[in-house]
Amino acid sequence: MGEKSIYIHSFSVDNMWNRVKLVWNDIRPNVNIIVGINGSGKTTLLNCINDYYNSKKSLYKCNGTPLGIPVQFIRSFDVPLANRKKKDSPLYQELEKSYFSLPIISSIFLITG
């Protein structure tokens, strides 16, 4: 039997710090990018999803199946380059682990594309 995929189709946060109301009603499977202006909630959405999937995994279930799917993300594009902290990103940490475990030729291909 194939692996089951779980997708979030909608997401909302109300009264967060009495100033933010975030609503996403059309989240599609296999979307790899979230775009928005400063303060639109991109990082908040990803942090909420990351916490949902990665903390207290045994408490969250979908149809009786524990949710243990890691959510990986890179900080938003609208953060000035000088302020980015790549090592804070869970994706960077995963890439760093896999990068050093690859043969040299594969690592070079990753760098050059």
N, C-alpha and C. Protein backbone atom coordinates (compact mmCIF):
# COMPACT_ATOMS: atom_id res chain seq x y z
N MET A 1 0.84 -1.18 0.00
CA MET A 1 0.00 0.00 0.00
C MET A 1 0.89 1.24 0.00
N GLY A 2 0.51 2.27 -0.77
CA GLY A 2 1.30 3.49 -0.89
C GLY A 2 1.26 4.34 0.37
N GLU A 3 2.20 5.23 0.44
CA GLU A 3 2.28 6.15 1.58
C GLU A 3 1.14 7.16 1.53
N LYS A 4 0.51 7.38 2.66
CA LYS A 4 -0.58 8.35 2.73
C LYS A 4 -0.01 9.75 2.93
N SER A 5 -0.59 10.70 2.25
CA SER A 5 -0.20 12.10 2.40
C SER A 5 -1.30 12.85 3.12
N ILE A 6 -0.91 13.77 3.97
CA ILE A 6 -1.87 14.59 4.69
C ILE A 6 -1.61 16.04 4.30
N TYR A 7 -2.65 16.72 3.85
CA TYR A 7 -2.51 18.10 3.42
C TYR A 7 -3.40 19.00 4.26
N ILE A 8 -2.93 20.19 4.53
CA ILE A 8 -3.75 21.21 5.18
C ILE A 8 -4.43 21.98 4.06
N HIS A 9 -5.76 22.02 4.07
CA HIS A 9 -6.51 22.70 3.01
C HIS A 9 -6.87 24.13 3.39
N SER A 10 -7.00 24.40 4.67
CA SER A 10 -7.26 25.77 5.11
C SER A 10 -6.65 25.94 6.49
N PHE A 11 -6.40 27.19 6.84
CA PHE A 11 -5.72 27.48 8.10
C PHE A 11 -6.12 28.88 8.51
N SER A 12 -6.41 29.08 9.79
CA SER A 12 -6.71 30.44 10.26
C SER A 12 -6.23 30.63 11.68
N VAL A 13 -5.86 31.85 12.00
CA VAL A 13 -5.45 32.24 13.34
C VAL A 13 -6.18 33.53 13.66
N ASP A 14 -6.91 33.57 14.76
CA ASP A 14 -7.66 34.76 15.16
C ASP A 14 -7.10 35.32 16.46
N ASN A 15 -7.10 36.63 16.58
CA ASN A 15 -6.74 37.33 17.82
C ASN A 15 -5.36 36.97 18.36
N MET A 16 -4.42 36.77 17.47
CA MET A 16 -3.06 36.52 17.93
C MET A 16 -2.45 37.86 18.30
N TRP A 17 -2.14 38.05 19.53
CA TRP A 17 -1.61 39.31 20.07
C TRP A 17 -2.56 40.47 19.78
N ASN A 18 -3.84 40.18 19.64
CA ASN A 18 -4.88 41.18 19.39
C ASN A 18 -4.63 42.04 18.15
N ARG A 19 -3.90 41.53 17.19
CA ARG A 19 -3.66 42.35 16.01
C ARG A 19 -3.65 41.57 14.70
N VAL A 20 -3.48 40.28 14.75
CA VAL A 20 -3.32 39.53 13.52
C VAL A 20 -4.51 38.61 13.29
N LYS A 21 -5.04 38.64 12.10
CA LYS A 21 -6.04 37.66 11.69
C LYS A 21 -5.54 37.07 10.38
N LEU A 22 -5.15 35.82 10.43
CA LEU A 22 -4.61 35.15 9.26
C LEU A 22 -5.60 34.12 8.78
N VAL A 23 -5.89 34.12 7.49
CA VAL A 23 -6.81 33.13 6.91
C VAL A 23 -6.26 32.69 5.56
N TRP A 24 -6.07 31.41 5.40
CA TRP A 24 -5.72 30.82 4.11
C TRP A 24 -6.78 29.78 3.82
N ASN A 25 -7.57 30.00 2.75
CA ASN A 25 -8.64 29.08 2.41
C ASN A 25 -8.31 28.19 1.23
N ASP A 26 -7.20 28.42 0.58
CA ASP A 26 -6.89 27.65 -0.61
C ASP A 26 -5.43 27.22 -0.59
N ILE A 27 -5.10 26.29 0.27
CA ILE A 27 -3.75 25.75 0.35
C ILE A 27 -3.75 24.47 -0.46
N ARG A 28 -2.89 24.40 -1.45
CA ARG A 28 -2.92 23.27 -2.38
C ARG A 28 -1.75 22.31 -2.13
N PRO A 29 -1.97 21.03 -2.43
CA PRO A 29 -0.88 20.06 -2.29
C PRO A 29 0.26 20.38 -3.25
N ASN A 30 1.45 20.02 -2.87
CA ASN A 30 2.65 20.16 -3.69
C ASN A 30 3.02 21.61 -4.01
N VAL A 31 2.55 22.57 -3.22
CA VAL A 31 2.97 23.96 -3.38
C VAL A 31 4.25 24.12 -2.57
N ASN A 32 5.26 24.66 -3.20
CA ASN A 32 6.57 24.74 -2.56
C ASN A 32 6.99 26.14 -2.18
N ILE A 33 6.12 27.12 -2.35
CA ILE A 33 6.51 28.49 -2.05
C ILE A 33 5.32 29.25 -1.49
N ILE A 34 5.60 30.12 -0.53
CA ILE A 34 4.58 31.02 0.02
C ILE A 34 5.13 32.43 -0.17
N VAL A 35 4.37 33.28 -0.83
CA VAL A 35 4.81 34.63 -1.16
C VAL A 35 3.87 35.63 -0.53
N GLY A 36 4.41 36.73 -0.04
CA GLY A 36 3.58 37.79 0.51
C GLY A 36 4.45 38.96 0.95
N ILE A 37 3.82 40.10 1.16
CA ILE A 37 4.55 41.28 1.60
C ILE A 37 4.94 41.14 3.06
N ASN A 38 5.79 42.06 3.54
CA ASN A 38 6.18 42.07 4.95
C ASN A 38 4.94 42.11 5.83
N GLY A 39 4.93 41.29 6.86
CA GLY A 39 3.83 41.31 7.83
C GLY A 39 2.58 40.58 7.40
N SER A 40 2.63 39.86 6.28
CA SER A 40 1.42 39.17 5.82
C SER A 40 1.22 37.82 6.50
N GLY A 41 2.19 37.35 7.28
CA GLY A 41 2.01 36.14 8.06
C GLY A 41 2.67 34.89 7.52
N LYS A 42 3.59 35.03 6.56
CA LYS A 42 4.25 33.86 5.98
C LYS A 42 5.00 33.06 7.05
N THR A 43 5.84 33.74 7.78
CA THR A 43 6.63 33.06 8.80
C THR A 43 5.75 32.55 9.93
N THR A 44 4.73 33.32 10.29
CA THR A 44 3.80 32.87 11.33
C THR A 44 3.11 31.59 10.91
N LEU A 45 2.65 31.52 9.67
CA LEU A 45 2.00 30.31 9.17
C LEU A 45 2.95 29.13 9.25
N LEU A 46 4.18 29.30 8.76
CA LEU A 46 5.13 28.19 8.76
C LEU A 46 5.53 27.79 10.17
N ASN A 47 5.68 28.75 11.07
CA ASN A 47 6.00 28.41 12.46
C ASN A 47 4.85 27.64 13.11
N CYS A 48 3.62 28.06 12.85
CA CYS A 48 2.45 27.35 13.41
C CYS A 48 2.37 25.93 12.88
N ILE A 49 2.55 25.78 11.57
CA ILE A 49 2.51 24.44 10.98
C ILE A 49 3.65 23.59 11.52
N ASN A 50 4.84 24.17 11.61
CA ASN A 50 6.00 23.45 12.13
C ASN A 50 5.74 22.97 13.56
N ASP A 51 5.23 23.87 14.41
CA ASP A 51 4.91 23.48 15.79
C ASP A 51 3.84 22.41 15.83
N TYR A 52 2.82 22.55 14.98
CA TYR A 52 1.72 21.59 14.95
C TYR A 52 2.23 20.19 14.63
N TYR A 53 3.09 20.09 13.62
CA TYR A 53 3.56 18.77 13.20
C TYR A 53 4.70 18.24 14.04
N ASN A 54 5.54 19.09 14.61
CA ASN A 54 6.76 18.61 15.25
C ASN A 54 6.76 18.62 16.77
N SER A 55 5.80 19.25 17.41
CA SER A 55 5.76 19.21 18.87
C SER A 55 4.56 18.38 19.30
N LYS A 56 4.75 17.64 20.36
CA LYS A 56 3.67 16.80 20.91
C LYS A 56 3.04 15.94 19.83
N LYS A 57 3.87 15.27 19.04
CA LYS A 57 3.38 14.49 17.91
C LYS A 57 2.35 13.46 18.32
N SER A 58 2.49 12.91 19.52
CA SER A 58 1.56 11.87 19.93
C SER A 58 0.16 12.41 20.18
N LEU A 59 0.02 13.74 20.39
CA LEU A 59 -1.29 14.31 20.67
C LEU A 59 -2.09 14.59 19.41
N TYR A 60 -1.42 14.80 18.28
CA TYR A 60 -2.12 15.16 17.05
C TYR A 60 -2.27 13.94 16.16
N LYS A 61 -3.49 13.67 15.76
CA LYS A 61 -3.75 12.52 14.90
C LYS A 61 -4.75 12.91 13.83
N CYS A 62 -4.64 12.25 12.70
CA CYS A 62 -5.60 12.42 11.62
C CYS A 62 -6.11 11.03 11.26
N ASN A 63 -7.39 10.80 11.44
CA ASN A 63 -7.97 9.48 11.23
C ASN A 63 -7.22 8.40 12.01
N GLY A 64 -6.79 8.74 13.22
CA GLY A 64 -6.11 7.78 14.08
C GLY A 64 -4.63 7.63 13.81
N THR A 65 -4.11 8.31 12.80
CA THR A 65 -2.70 8.21 12.45
C THR A 65 -1.94 9.39 13.05
N PRO A 66 -0.89 9.13 13.87
CA PRO A 66 -0.11 10.23 14.43
C PRO A 66 0.52 11.06 13.33
N LEU A 67 0.54 12.36 13.54
CA LEU A 67 1.16 13.27 12.57
C LEU A 67 2.61 13.47 12.96
N GLY A 68 3.50 12.89 12.22
CA GLY A 68 4.92 13.04 12.50
C GLY A 68 5.67 13.55 11.29
N ILE A 69 5.00 14.34 10.48
CA ILE A 69 5.59 14.82 9.24
C ILE A 69 6.37 16.10 9.53
N PRO A 70 7.68 16.12 9.28
CA PRO A 70 8.43 17.35 9.52
C PRO A 70 8.10 18.40 8.46
N VAL A 71 7.99 19.63 8.87
CA VAL A 71 7.74 20.74 7.95
C VAL A 71 9.05 21.50 7.82
N GLN A 72 9.51 21.65 6.60
CA GLN A 72 10.78 22.32 6.35
C GLN A 72 10.51 23.66 5.68
N PHE A 73 11.24 24.68 6.03
CA PHE A 73 11.05 25.98 5.39
C PHE A 73 12.32 26.80 5.43
N ILE A 74 12.39 27.74 4.51
CA ILE A 74 13.47 28.72 4.48
C ILE A 74 12.84 30.06 4.78
N ARG A 75 13.54 30.93 5.46
CA ARG A 75 12.99 32.25 5.78
C ARG A 75 12.56 32.99 4.52
N SER A 76 11.65 33.93 4.69
CA SER A 76 11.04 34.62 3.55
C SER A 76 12.05 35.43 2.74
N PHE A 77 11.71 35.66 1.48
CA PHE A 77 12.58 36.39 0.57
C PHE A 77 12.65 37.87 0.89
N ASP A 78 11.66 38.41 1.60
CA ASP A 78 11.64 39.85 1.83
C ASP A 78 12.51 40.29 3.00
N VAL A 79 13.18 39.37 3.66
CA VAL A 79 14.12 39.72 4.72
C VAL A 79 15.42 40.14 4.05
N PRO A 80 15.98 41.31 4.38
CA PRO A 80 17.23 41.73 3.75
C PRO A 80 18.32 40.67 3.92
N LEU A 81 19.12 40.50 2.89
CA LEU A 81 20.13 39.45 2.87
C LEU A 81 21.03 39.51 4.10
N ALA A 82 21.39 40.70 4.53
CA ALA A 82 22.29 40.85 5.69
C ALA A 82 21.64 40.34 6.98
N ASN A 83 20.31 40.30 7.03
CA ASN A 83 19.62 39.87 8.25
C ASN A 83 19.23 38.40 8.25
N ARG A 84 19.46 37.71 7.16
CA ARG A 84 19.07 36.30 7.09
C ARG A 84 20.00 35.45 7.93
N LYS A 85 19.42 34.48 8.59
CA LYS A 85 20.19 33.53 9.39
C LYS A 85 19.86 32.14 8.87
N LYS A 86 20.60 31.69 7.88
CA LYS A 86 20.29 30.41 7.25
C LYS A 86 20.29 29.27 8.25
N LYS A 87 21.19 29.33 9.21
CA LYS A 87 21.31 28.20 10.13
C LYS A 87 20.11 28.08 11.05
N ASP A 88 19.24 29.13 11.12
CA ASP A 88 18.02 29.05 11.93
C ASP A 88 16.95 28.22 11.24
N SER A 89 17.06 28.03 9.95
CA SER A 89 16.03 27.35 9.19
C SER A 89 16.15 25.84 9.35
N PRO A 90 15.04 25.16 9.68
CA PRO A 90 15.09 23.69 9.76
C PRO A 90 15.54 23.07 8.45
N LEU A 91 15.18 23.67 7.31
CA LEU A 91 15.60 23.12 6.02
C LEU A 91 17.11 23.19 5.87
N TYR A 92 17.70 24.31 6.25
CA TYR A 92 19.16 24.45 6.16
C TYR A 92 19.83 23.35 6.99
N GLN A 93 19.31 23.09 8.17
CA GLN A 93 19.90 22.07 9.03
C GLN A 93 19.82 20.70 8.38
N GLU A 94 18.67 20.39 7.73
CA GLU A 94 18.53 19.11 7.04
C GLU A 94 19.47 19.04 5.84
N LEU A 95 19.56 20.14 5.08
CA LEU A 95 20.46 20.16 3.93
C LEU A 95 21.91 20.01 4.37
N GLU A 96 22.26 20.66 5.47
CA GLU A 96 23.62 20.58 5.98
C GLU A 96 23.96 19.13 6.34
N LYS A 97 23.02 18.43 6.98
CA LYS A 97 23.25 17.03 7.34
C LYS A 97 23.44 16.17 6.09
N SER A 98 22.54 16.34 5.10
CA SER A 98 22.62 15.50 3.91
C SER A 98 23.80 15.89 3.02
N TYR A 99 24.14 17.18 2.99
CA TYR A 99 25.24 17.66 2.15
C TYR A 99 26.55 17.00 2.54
N PHE A 100 26.82 16.90 3.83
CA PHE A 100 28.07 16.33 4.28
C PHE A 100 28.09 14.81 4.20
N SER A 101 26.93 14.20 3.96
CA SER A 101 26.91 12.74 3.85
C SER A 101 26.98 12.29 2.39
N LEU A 102 26.99 13.23 1.43
CA LEU A 102 27.02 12.89 0.01
C LEU A 102 28.45 12.73 -0.48
N PRO A 103 28.63 11.94 -1.56
CA PRO A 103 29.95 11.88 -2.19
C PRO A 103 30.33 13.27 -2.73
N ILE A 104 31.60 13.52 -2.92
CA ILE A 104 32.07 14.85 -3.34
C ILE A 104 31.42 15.29 -4.64
N ILE A 105 31.32 14.41 -5.64
CA ILE A 105 30.76 14.81 -6.93
C ILE A 105 29.30 15.24 -6.78
N SER A 106 28.53 14.57 -5.93
CA SER A 106 27.14 14.96 -5.69
C SER A 106 27.07 16.30 -5.00
N SER A 107 27.98 16.55 -4.06
CA SER A 107 28.01 17.82 -3.36
C SER A 107 28.32 18.96 -4.32
N ILE A 108 29.23 18.73 -5.26
CA ILE A 108 29.56 19.76 -6.25
C ILE A 108 28.35 20.04 -7.12
N PHE A 109 27.61 19.00 -7.51
CA PHE A 109 26.41 19.19 -8.33
C PHE A 109 25.38 20.03 -7.58
N LEU A 110 25.24 19.80 -6.27
CA LEU A 110 24.30 20.60 -5.48
C LEU A 110 24.69 22.08 -5.50
N ILE A 111 25.98 22.36 -5.45
CA ILE A 111 26.44 23.74 -5.42
C ILE A 111 26.24 24.41 -6.78
N THR A 112 26.58 23.70 -7.87
CA THR A 112 26.53 24.30 -9.19
C THR A 112 25.17 24.19 -9.85
N GLY A 113 24.31 23.28 -9.38
CA GLY A 113 22.98 23.12 -9.96
C GLY A 113 23.08 22.33 -11.21
